[in-house]
Amino acid sequence: MNKNSLKVDIVVVGGGIAGLAAGALAASNNASVLVLEAHQLGGRARSVNRDGFIFNLGAHALYQGGMAMQILHSLGIYPRGTPPPLKRYRALIGQELHKMPTTPANLLTSTALGFRAKIRLVRALSSIDQLSADQFFERSAGSWIANLGLPEEAESILRAICRLSSYVGELDEVSADVIVSQLQIGRRGVLYLHDGWRQLVEALSFLVPYRVGCGVEKLLPTRDHIEVHTQSQVFAAKAVIVATGIPSATGLLLNNSSFTSSGSDVTAACLGVGVSHVPEPGYVLDIDKPLYATTQLTQANQSPTDRAVVEVVRYGARSAKLDRQALEAHLCFAGVNASDIVTSRFLPAMTVAGVLPTPSSGGLAGRRSVYESGIPGVFLAGDWIGPKGWLADAALASAQEASNAALAWSAHQSLSRSIHLTAQKTTSDSTDGYPEESI
């Protein structure tokens, strides 16, 4: 062991919400833990303040019925937020806005659907709760929707809702278990978090020691620990959790080229604007294109009084020029004109999730396990790891599983070390007690 190395039970590589949650969960079980982050804490949950407007990395919502909320509660974190005003949602069909059938009242009065299509859509949505999502991994979401036999106008609405709930534009590529599970947990609604998602980053980082600007260069397994090498220091850990965000970064750290073939990532083009007034309608879902505009109001503490943050998203990034034009055009339908914009930020190709689950990859259950690092004592966490959840729910579900695995491995290493030392001491004591001539 390097004489200057710092001993710790568990080192977590990566300070996004998966890494922070894994570290916090391990620390809550009395393990000594250190989170190492090369850049800034938060990963894709970071928020920035521009001229008093707080921008997340694209439109973010926390599902109240998902695993992330359950795990946060287990850590004593109760996110503060505001549910979106569903009555204000509008469906864009062609160039016309209609009430989005997101509430019973909107469904009855919406002109987006005829009466027969409304009945068929309600029946389809009502039946989703009775489905077992994991039975649909072998077909695409597009195929599953098509097989419902809905009228064309109802099918178009459902496709738009599926894009909205999953942040995935490629419904003919993504496995249907992702979409079904998202529709199911969506029944309990979502929260737009006060002060942006930095609220979660700050709450999690309060529970675990961390170092920023501390990139990990390599992991070196030894007989009884794992050396974690940074540019300035070596840490001796009983277990390591790698939560570096995307497969390529994980593969680079683990020196394992197989991670580059984990699958394609999920992307979005995002335009966030701080505007001088609260726009009307503010919430617009394009039924024919993968476009969505949403508004964080003053009560979400993301903007100055009587102003707002509006995020426009295109699910599936293409070219920066083409997508920006589409996003700016969609802003107009949300009620935002160029003269209303105080500040803005454009993300041409934001990573939404590390890997897109597909039927050929086995859907959610086909994602890599927390145990598939290839190195004993090294475990994985992230939104592309493990069979449970999607987006933040997957990140925290894998963090919980990786934390449990690291704790078990750490305890095993401690026990093995204790047995080894006891055996050494027993041998030494026995030897010391022999008569000299007997040696």
Protein backbone atom coordinates (compact mmCIF):
# COMPACT_ATOMS: atom_id res chain seq x y z
CA MET A 1 0.00 0.00 0.00
CA ASN A 2 1.21 3.51 -0.79
CA LYS A 3 2.37 5.05 2.52
CA ASN A 4 0.64 8.34 1.67
CA SER A 5 -2.69 6.77 0.74
CA LEU A 6 -5.83 7.64 2.65
CA LYS A 7 -7.88 4.69 3.85
CA VAL A 8 -11.66 4.76 3.34
CA ASP A 9 -14.34 2.07 3.24
CA ILE A 10 -15.98 3.21 -0.02
CA VAL A 11 -14.86 5.64 -2.70
CA VAL A 12 -17.50 6.88 -5.15
CA VAL A 13 -16.18 8.11 -8.50
CA GLY A 14 -18.55 10.75 -9.87
CA GLY A 15 -20.61 13.39 -8.07
CA GLY A 16 -23.84 13.37 -10.07
CA ILE A 17 -27.05 12.44 -8.27
CA ALA A 18 -26.32 8.71 -8.70
CA GLY A 19 -22.88 9.07 -7.12
CA LEU A 20 -24.05 11.43 -4.37
CA ALA A 21 -27.00 9.19 -3.55
CA ALA A 22 -24.81 6.07 -3.48
CA GLY A 23 -22.39 7.83 -1.16
CA ALA A 24 -25.14 9.18 1.09
CA LEU A 25 -26.78 5.76 1.35
CA ALA A 26 -23.48 4.10 2.26
CA ALA A 27 -22.63 6.83 4.77
CA SER A 28 -26.05 6.40 6.40
CA ASN A 29 -24.97 2.81 7.15
CA ASN A 30 -21.91 4.03 9.07
CA ALA A 31 -19.37 3.41 6.32
CA SER A 32 -16.55 5.89 5.78
CA VAL A 33 -17.23 7.30 2.30
CA LEU A 34 -15.65 9.82 -0.03
CA VAL A 35 -17.15 11.08 -3.32
CA LEU A 36 -14.62 12.25 -5.90
CA GLU A 37 -15.82 14.57 -8.69
CA ALA A 38 -13.58 15.81 -11.49
CA HIS A 39 -15.62 18.93 -12.27
CA GLN A 40 -18.76 20.19 -10.48
CA LEU A 41 -21.18 18.33 -8.28
CA GLY A 42 -24.56 17.45 -9.74
CA GLY A 43 -23.86 16.05 -13.19
CA ARG A 44 -27.01 16.45 -15.26
CA ALA A 45 -28.83 17.68 -12.14
CA ARG A 46 -26.78 20.91 -12.05
CA SER A 47 -28.53 24.26 -12.13
CA VAL A 48 -27.11 27.67 -13.01
CA ASN A 49 -28.25 31.21 -12.19
CA ARG A 50 -28.32 33.71 -15.04
CA ASP A 51 -29.52 37.20 -14.23
CA GLY A 52 -31.74 35.85 -11.46
CA PHE A 53 -33.18 33.05 -13.61
CA ILE A 54 -32.32 29.50 -12.58
CA PHE A 55 -31.85 27.03 -15.43
CA ASN A 56 -31.70 23.28 -15.08
CA LEU A 57 -29.97 21.27 -17.80
CA GLY A 58 -33.16 21.21 -19.83
CA ALA A 59 -36.69 20.60 -18.59
CA HIS A 60 -36.55 18.52 -15.42
CA ALA A 61 -39.41 17.02 -13.42
CA LEU A 62 -39.31 14.65 -10.46
CA TYR A 63 -41.88 11.86 -10.55
CA GLN A 64 -43.73 11.69 -7.24
CA GLY A 65 -44.54 8.00 -7.69
CA GLY A 66 -41.04 6.91 -8.70
CA MET A 67 -38.20 5.18 -6.86
CA ALA A 68 -36.14 8.38 -6.63
CA MET A 69 -38.71 9.94 -4.30
CA GLN A 70 -38.80 6.80 -2.13
CA ILE A 71 -35.02 6.69 -1.81
CA LEU A 72 -34.75 10.42 -1.08
CA HIS A 73 -37.34 10.03 1.67
CA SER A 74 -35.29 7.17 3.17
CA LEU A 75 -32.41 9.63 3.46
CA GLY A 76 -34.62 12.24 5.13
CA ILE A 77 -34.83 14.40 1.99
CA TYR A 78 -38.29 15.68 1.12
CA PRO A 79 -38.08 17.63 -2.15
CA ARG A 80 -39.94 20.94 -2.29
CA GLY A 81 -41.67 21.68 -5.53
CA THR A 82 -44.76 22.66 -7.45
CA PRO A 83 -46.88 20.41 -9.69
CA PRO A 84 -47.42 21.78 -13.20
CA PRO A 85 -50.86 23.33 -13.83
CA LEU A 86 -52.31 20.66 -16.12
CA LYS A 87 -55.35 22.80 -16.93
CA ARG A 88 -53.08 25.21 -18.80
CA TYR A 89 -51.59 22.53 -21.06
CA ARG A 90 -52.23 22.88 -24.77
CA ALA A 91 -51.88 20.44 -27.66
CA LEU A 92 -50.44 21.83 -30.88
CA ILE A 93 -51.95 20.16 -33.92
CA GLY A 94 -50.70 21.68 -37.13
CA GLN A 95 -50.77 25.40 -36.34
CA GLU A 96 -53.69 25.30 -33.91
CA LEU A 97 -53.76 25.05 -30.13
CA HIS A 98 -56.30 22.87 -28.34
CA LYS A 99 -56.82 22.01 -24.69
CA MET A 100 -54.59 19.06 -23.88
CA PRO A 101 -56.74 16.18 -22.52
CA THR A 102 -54.70 15.92 -19.32
CA THR A 103 -57.60 16.39 -16.88
CA PRO A 104 -61.23 15.18 -16.97
CA ALA A 105 -62.44 18.73 -17.57
CA ASN A 106 -59.96 19.32 -20.39
CA LEU A 107 -60.83 15.97 -21.94
CA LEU A 108 -64.53 16.82 -22.09
CA THR A 109 -64.03 20.26 -23.61
CA SER A 110 -60.95 19.65 -25.75
CA THR A 111 -61.31 20.04 -29.50
CA ALA A 112 -58.18 17.98 -30.11
CA LEU A 113 -60.25 14.78 -30.29
CA GLY A 114 -63.67 13.68 -31.41
CA PHE A 115 -66.02 12.01 -28.93
CA ARG A 116 -65.27 8.44 -30.06
CA ALA A 117 -61.53 9.03 -29.95
CA LYS A 118 -61.84 10.50 -26.43
CA ILE A 119 -63.61 7.39 -25.16
CA ARG A 120 -61.03 5.08 -26.75
CA LEU A 121 -58.13 7.11 -25.35
CA VAL A 122 -59.59 7.12 -21.85
CA ARG A 123 -60.04 3.34 -21.96
CA ALA A 124 -56.48 2.82 -23.16
CA LEU A 125 -54.98 5.06 -20.48
CA SER A 126 -57.17 3.53 -17.76
CA SER A 127 -56.00 0.02 -18.63
CA ILE A 128 -52.30 0.84 -18.28
CA ASP A 129 -52.28 0.49 -14.49
CA GLN A 130 -53.26 -3.18 -14.86
CA LEU A 131 -50.30 -3.97 -17.11
CA SER A 132 -47.04 -5.57 -16.00
CA ALA A 133 -44.47 -3.30 -17.61
CA ASP A 134 -41.68 -5.89 -17.66
CA GLN A 135 -43.71 -8.06 -20.03
CA PHE A 136 -43.27 -5.52 -22.84
CA PHE A 137 -39.48 -5.44 -23.21
CA GLU A 138 -39.55 -7.49 -26.42
CA ARG A 139 -41.50 -4.93 -28.44
CA SER A 140 -40.98 -1.27 -29.22
CA ALA A 141 -43.18 1.41 -27.74
CA GLY A 142 -44.30 2.33 -31.25
CA SER A 143 -45.42 -1.25 -31.91
CA TRP A 144 -47.23 -1.45 -28.57
CA ILE A 145 -49.12 1.79 -29.27
CA ALA A 146 -50.02 0.72 -32.80
CA ASN A 147 -51.43 -2.58 -31.51
CA LEU A 148 -53.87 -0.75 -29.24
CA GLY A 149 -56.03 -0.11 -32.30
CA LEU A 150 -56.79 3.52 -31.43
CA PRO A 151 -58.24 6.00 -33.89
CA GLU A 152 -55.46 7.97 -35.58
CA GLU A 153 -56.11 11.18 -33.65
CA ALA A 154 -56.12 9.33 -30.30
CA GLU A 155 -52.95 7.43 -31.21
CA SER A 156 -51.20 10.71 -32.03
CA ILE A 157 -52.15 12.15 -28.64
CA LEU A 158 -50.93 9.02 -26.86
CA ARG A 159 -47.62 9.10 -28.73
CA ALA A 160 -47.12 12.72 -27.64
CA ILE A 161 -47.91 11.81 -24.02
CA CYS A 162 -45.39 8.95 -24.21
CA ARG A 163 -42.67 11.30 -25.45
CA LEU A 164 -43.52 13.73 -22.67
CA SER A 165 -43.39 11.09 -19.92
CA SER A 166 -40.14 9.48 -21.06
CA TYR A 167 -38.16 12.30 -22.76
CA VAL A 168 -37.67 9.86 -25.66
CA GLY A 169 -38.47 10.85 -29.22
CA GLU A 170 -37.65 7.48 -30.82
CA LEU A 171 -40.78 5.54 -29.86
CA ASP A 172 -40.19 3.00 -32.60
CA GLU A 173 -36.78 2.22 -31.08
CA VAL A 174 -37.27 2.33 -27.31
CA SER A 175 -38.62 -0.80 -25.60
CA ALA A 176 -42.24 -0.54 -24.50
CA ASP A 177 -41.48 -1.41 -20.86
CA VAL A 178 -39.86 2.02 -20.46
CA ILE A 179 -42.98 3.81 -21.66
CA VAL A 180 -45.52 1.67 -19.80
CA SER A 181 -43.66 2.07 -16.51
CA GLN A 182 -43.39 5.85 -17.00
CA LEU A 183 -47.10 6.18 -17.74
CA GLN A 184 -47.86 4.18 -14.61
CA ILE A 185 -45.79 6.27 -12.19
CA GLY A 186 -46.94 9.44 -13.94
CA ARG A 187 -50.41 8.90 -12.48
CA ARG A 188 -49.15 10.40 -9.21
CA GLY A 189 -47.86 13.50 -10.93
CA VAL A 190 -44.54 15.32 -11.06
CA LEU A 191 -42.88 18.20 -9.26
CA TYR A 192 -40.97 21.14 -10.66
CA LEU A 193 -38.40 21.58 -7.91
CA HIS A 194 -38.03 24.90 -6.12
CA ASP A 195 -34.64 26.49 -6.88
CA GLY A 196 -34.12 23.92 -9.64
CA TRP A 197 -32.51 20.52 -9.26
CA ARG A 198 -29.61 22.02 -7.35
CA GLN A 199 -31.96 21.52 -4.39
CA LEU A 200 -31.33 17.77 -4.61
CA VAL A 201 -27.61 18.19 -5.22
CA GLU A 202 -27.24 20.37 -2.12
CA ALA A 203 -29.34 18.04 0.04
CA LEU A 204 -27.42 14.91 -1.01
CA SER A 205 -23.97 16.53 -0.78
CA PHE A 206 -24.75 17.56 2.81
CA LEU A 207 -24.92 13.86 3.73
CA VAL A 208 -21.58 12.65 2.39
CA PRO A 209 -17.96 13.96 2.25
CA TYR A 210 -16.83 14.94 -1.23
CA ARG A 211 -13.99 16.55 -3.15
CA VAL A 212 -14.40 18.47 -6.40
CA GLY A 213 -11.72 19.04 -8.99
CA CYS A 214 -10.46 15.59 -8.10
CA GLY A 215 -10.53 13.41 -11.20
CA VAL A 216 -9.75 9.73 -10.88
CA GLU A 217 -7.06 8.51 -13.27
CA LYS A 218 -7.08 4.79 -12.58
CA LEU A 219 -8.21 2.01 -10.25
CA LEU A 220 -5.60 -0.51 -9.14
CA PRO A 221 -6.91 -3.63 -7.35
CA THR A 222 -4.62 -5.20 -4.76
CA ARG A 223 -5.03 -8.24 -2.52
CA ASP A 224 -7.09 -6.53 0.19
CA HIS A 225 -8.14 -3.14 -1.19
CA ILE A 226 -8.51 -1.02 -4.32
CA GLU A 227 -6.14 1.89 -4.94
CA VAL A 228 -7.96 4.89 -6.35
CA HIS A 229 -5.42 7.13 -8.06
CA THR A 230 -5.98 10.84 -8.61
CA GLN A 231 -3.38 13.30 -9.87
CA SER A 232 -2.43 14.35 -6.34
CA GLN A 233 -3.35 11.47 -4.04
CA VAL A 234 -4.02 7.76 -3.72
CA PHE A 235 -6.99 6.42 -1.75
CA ALA A 236 -7.12 2.88 -0.39
CA ALA A 237 -10.75 1.72 -0.55
CA LYS A 238 -12.35 -1.56 0.40
CA ALA A 239 -14.96 -0.98 -2.36
CA VAL A 240 -15.51 1.50 -5.18
CA ILE A 241 -18.67 2.73 -6.87
CA VAL A 242 -18.23 4.14 -10.37
CA ALA A 243 -20.93 6.66 -11.29
CA THR A 244 -19.34 8.59 -14.14
CA GLY A 245 -22.56 9.34 -16.04
CA ILE A 246 -22.03 7.71 -19.44
CA PRO A 247 -20.74 4.31 -20.63
CA SER A 248 -17.71 5.68 -22.50
CA ALA A 249 -16.34 7.46 -19.42
CA THR A 250 -16.90 4.34 -17.33
CA GLY A 251 -15.15 2.14 -19.89
CA LEU A 252 -12.20 4.53 -20.06
CA LEU A 253 -11.73 4.44 -16.29
CA LEU A 254 -12.11 0.66 -16.10
CA ASN A 255 -9.97 0.11 -19.21
CA ASN A 256 -12.84 -1.92 -20.64
CA SER A 257 -13.69 -1.25 -24.29
CA SER A 258 -16.93 -3.28 -24.09
CA PHE A 259 -18.68 -0.28 -22.52
CA THR A 260 -18.57 1.58 -25.83
CA SER A 261 -21.06 -0.97 -27.21
CA SER A 262 -23.57 -0.55 -24.38
CA GLY A 263 -26.02 1.18 -26.76
CA SER A 264 -26.86 4.62 -28.08
CA ASP A 265 -27.55 7.45 -25.67
CA VAL A 266 -30.77 9.45 -25.41
CA THR A 267 -30.42 13.11 -26.36
CA ALA A 268 -32.44 16.30 -26.51
CA ALA A 269 -31.96 19.81 -27.81
CA CYS A 270 -33.00 22.34 -25.15
CA LEU A 271 -33.57 26.08 -25.19
CA GLY A 272 -34.15 27.78 -21.86
CA VAL A 273 -35.23 31.40 -21.70
CA GLY A 274 -35.83 33.82 -18.86
CA VAL A 275 -38.79 36.00 -19.82
CA SER A 276 -40.15 39.32 -18.58
CA HIS A 277 -43.66 38.05 -17.89
CA VAL A 278 -45.52 34.79 -17.31
CA PRO A 279 -46.44 33.55 -20.82
CA GLU A 280 -49.83 32.25 -21.85
CA PRO A 281 -50.45 29.37 -22.31
CA GLY A 282 -46.86 28.51 -21.32
CA TYR A 283 -47.29 24.73 -21.68
CA VAL A 284 -47.50 23.37 -25.23
CA LEU A 285 -47.00 19.80 -26.43
CA ASP A 286 -46.66 19.32 -30.18
CA ILE A 287 -48.73 16.30 -31.20
CA ASP A 288 -47.01 15.70 -34.53
CA LYS A 289 -43.41 16.59 -33.63
CA PRO A 290 -41.24 15.77 -30.59
CA LEU A 291 -41.45 19.30 -29.19
CA TYR A 292 -42.54 20.51 -25.76
CA ALA A 293 -42.57 23.85 -23.95
CA THR A 294 -42.96 24.15 -20.18
CA THR A 295 -42.86 27.04 -17.74
CA GLN A 296 -41.38 27.31 -14.24
CA LEU A 297 -43.32 30.02 -12.46
CA THR A 298 -42.13 32.46 -9.80
CA GLN A 299 -43.44 30.22 -7.01
CA ALA A 300 -40.86 27.61 -8.03
CA ASN A 301 -38.15 30.15 -7.06
CA GLN A 302 -36.52 29.90 -10.47
CA SER A 303 -37.16 33.46 -11.56
CA PRO A 304 -37.71 36.99 -10.18
CA THR A 305 -41.24 38.02 -9.21
CA ASP A 306 -43.76 38.07 -12.08
CA ARG A 307 -41.21 36.60 -14.46
CA ALA A 308 -40.65 33.00 -15.54
CA VAL A 309 -38.26 30.43 -16.94
CA VAL A 310 -39.50 28.68 -20.06
CA GLU A 311 -37.82 25.52 -21.30
CA VAL A 312 -38.40 24.21 -24.81
CA VAL A 313 -37.23 20.70 -25.65
CA ARG A 314 -36.88 18.68 -28.80
CA TYR A 315 -36.69 14.99 -27.90
CA GLY A 316 -33.84 13.63 -30.01
CA ALA A 317 -31.15 16.13 -31.00
CA ARG A 318 -30.31 16.63 -34.68
CA SER A 319 -28.21 19.59 -35.87
CA ALA A 320 -27.80 22.66 -33.67
CA LYS A 321 -29.03 25.06 -36.37
CA LEU A 322 -32.10 23.03 -37.31
CA ASP A 323 -33.11 22.33 -33.73
CA ARG A 324 -32.67 25.90 -32.54
CA GLN A 325 -34.96 27.12 -35.30
CA ALA A 326 -37.59 24.55 -34.31
CA LEU A 327 -37.32 25.45 -30.61
CA GLU A 328 -37.59 29.19 -31.25
CA ALA A 329 -40.67 28.64 -33.42
CA HIS A 330 -42.25 26.52 -30.67
CA LEU A 331 -41.62 29.28 -28.13
CA CYS A 332 -44.06 31.48 -30.02
CA PHE A 333 -46.88 28.96 -29.51
CA ALA A 334 -46.09 29.00 -25.77
CA GLY A 335 -46.66 32.76 -25.77
CA VAL A 336 -43.05 33.98 -25.83
CA ASN A 337 -41.88 36.61 -28.30
CA ALA A 338 -38.27 37.58 -28.92
CA SER A 339 -38.83 40.91 -27.14
CA ASP A 340 -39.88 39.06 -23.96
CA ILE A 341 -36.54 37.25 -23.55
CA VAL A 342 -34.22 38.62 -20.85
CA THR A 343 -31.62 35.84 -20.99
CA SER A 344 -31.28 32.41 -22.59
CA ARG A 345 -29.25 29.23 -22.79
CA PHE A 346 -29.14 26.72 -25.65
CA LEU A 347 -28.03 23.11 -25.19
CA PRO A 348 -27.74 21.61 -28.70
CA ALA A 349 -27.28 17.98 -27.65
CA MET A 350 -27.93 17.30 -23.98
CA THR A 351 -27.62 13.71 -22.81
CA VAL A 352 -30.95 12.65 -21.29
CA ALA A 353 -29.92 9.09 -20.41
CA GLY A 354 -26.73 7.10 -20.92
CA VAL A 355 -28.31 4.25 -22.90
CA LEU A 356 -31.59 3.78 -24.77
CA PRO A 357 -33.21 0.44 -23.81
CA THR A 358 -34.39 -1.40 -26.92
CA PRO A 359 -36.18 -4.70 -27.57
CA SER A 360 -32.98 -6.20 -28.97
CA SER A 361 -31.03 -5.23 -25.83
CA GLY A 362 -33.67 -6.70 -23.48
CA GLY A 363 -35.35 -3.47 -22.40
CA LEU A 364 -34.81 -2.17 -18.87
CA ALA A 365 -33.78 -5.60 -17.60
CA GLY A 366 -31.12 -5.77 -20.32
CA ARG A 367 -29.16 -2.82 -18.95
CA ARG A 368 -25.81 -3.53 -17.32
CA SER A 369 -25.87 -4.75 -13.74
CA VAL A 370 -24.19 -2.87 -10.88
CA TYR A 371 -21.86 -5.90 -10.69
CA GLU A 372 -20.60 -5.72 -14.30
CA SER A 373 -17.48 -3.61 -13.80
CA GLY A 374 -15.20 -6.58 -14.44
CA ILE A 375 -13.24 -5.78 -11.26
CA PRO A 376 -14.06 -7.42 -7.91
CA GLY A 377 -15.16 -4.83 -5.38
CA VAL A 378 -16.02 -2.22 -8.03
CA PHE A 379 -19.70 -1.52 -8.64
CA LEU A 380 -21.63 0.66 -11.10
CA ALA A 381 -24.36 3.27 -10.72
CA GLY A 382 -26.12 5.59 -13.13
CA ASP A 383 -29.30 6.08 -15.12
CA TRP A 384 -28.15 3.37 -17.57
CA ILE A 385 -27.44 0.78 -14.89
CA GLY A 386 -29.77 -1.85 -13.40
CA PRO A 387 -33.27 -3.07 -14.28
CA LYS A 388 -35.28 -0.54 -12.29
CA GLY A 389 -36.61 2.86 -13.25
CA TRP A 390 -35.92 5.46 -15.88
CA LEU A 391 -34.02 8.78 -15.72
CA ALA A 392 -33.60 9.97 -12.10
CA ASP A 393 -35.46 6.92 -10.82
CA ALA A 394 -32.91 4.64 -12.53
CA ALA A 395 -30.01 6.73 -11.23
CA LEU A 396 -31.13 6.46 -7.61
CA ALA A 397 -32.34 2.84 -7.85
CA SER A 398 -28.91 1.79 -9.14
CA ALA A 399 -27.26 3.96 -6.48
CA GLN A 400 -29.16 2.07 -3.79
CA GLU A 401 -28.22 -1.33 -5.23
CA ALA A 402 -24.57 -0.32 -5.74
CA SER A 403 -24.41 1.05 -2.20
CA ASN A 404 -25.76 -2.22 -0.77
CA ALA A 405 -23.27 -4.20 -2.84
CA ALA A 406 -20.34 -2.00 -1.79
CA LEU A 407 -21.34 -2.19 1.88
CA ALA A 408 -21.51 -6.00 1.69
CA TRP A 409 -18.14 -6.19 -0.06
CA SER A 410 -16.57 -3.78 2.42
CA ALA A 411 -17.86 -5.85 5.35
CA HIS A 412 -16.52 -9.00 3.69
CA GLN A 413 -13.11 -7.38 3.24
CA SER A 414 -13.06 -6.30 6.88
CA LEU A 415 -13.97 -9.79 8.04
CA SER A 416 -11.37 -11.39 5.78
CA ARG A 417 -8.74 -8.96 7.05
CA SER A 418 -9.70 -9.68 10.65
CA ILE A 419 -9.50 -13.45 10.10
CA HIS A 420 -6.14 -13.06 8.36
CA LEU A 421 -4.69 -10.97 11.21
CA THR A 422 -6.07 -13.36 13.82
CA ALA A 423 -4.52 -16.31 12.00
CA GLN A 424 -1.18 -14.48 11.83
CA LYS A 425 -1.32 -13.66 15.55
CA THR A 426 -2.25 -17.24 16.46
CA THR A 427 0.65 -18.59 14.42
CA SER A 428 3.01 -16.07 15.99
CA ASP A 429 1.82 -16.86 19.53
CA SER A 430 2.15 -20.60 18.93
CA THR A 431 5.65 -20.20 17.59
CA ASP A 432 6.74 -17.99 20.47
CA GLY A 433 5.56 -20.63 22.99
CA TYR A 434 7.68 -23.50 21.65
CA PRO A 435 10.90 -24.52 23.42
CA GLU A 436 13.89 -23.29 21.53
CA GLU A 437 15.10 -26.77 20.75
CA SER A 438 11.75 -27.67 19.24
CA ILE A 439 11.87 -25.01 16.56
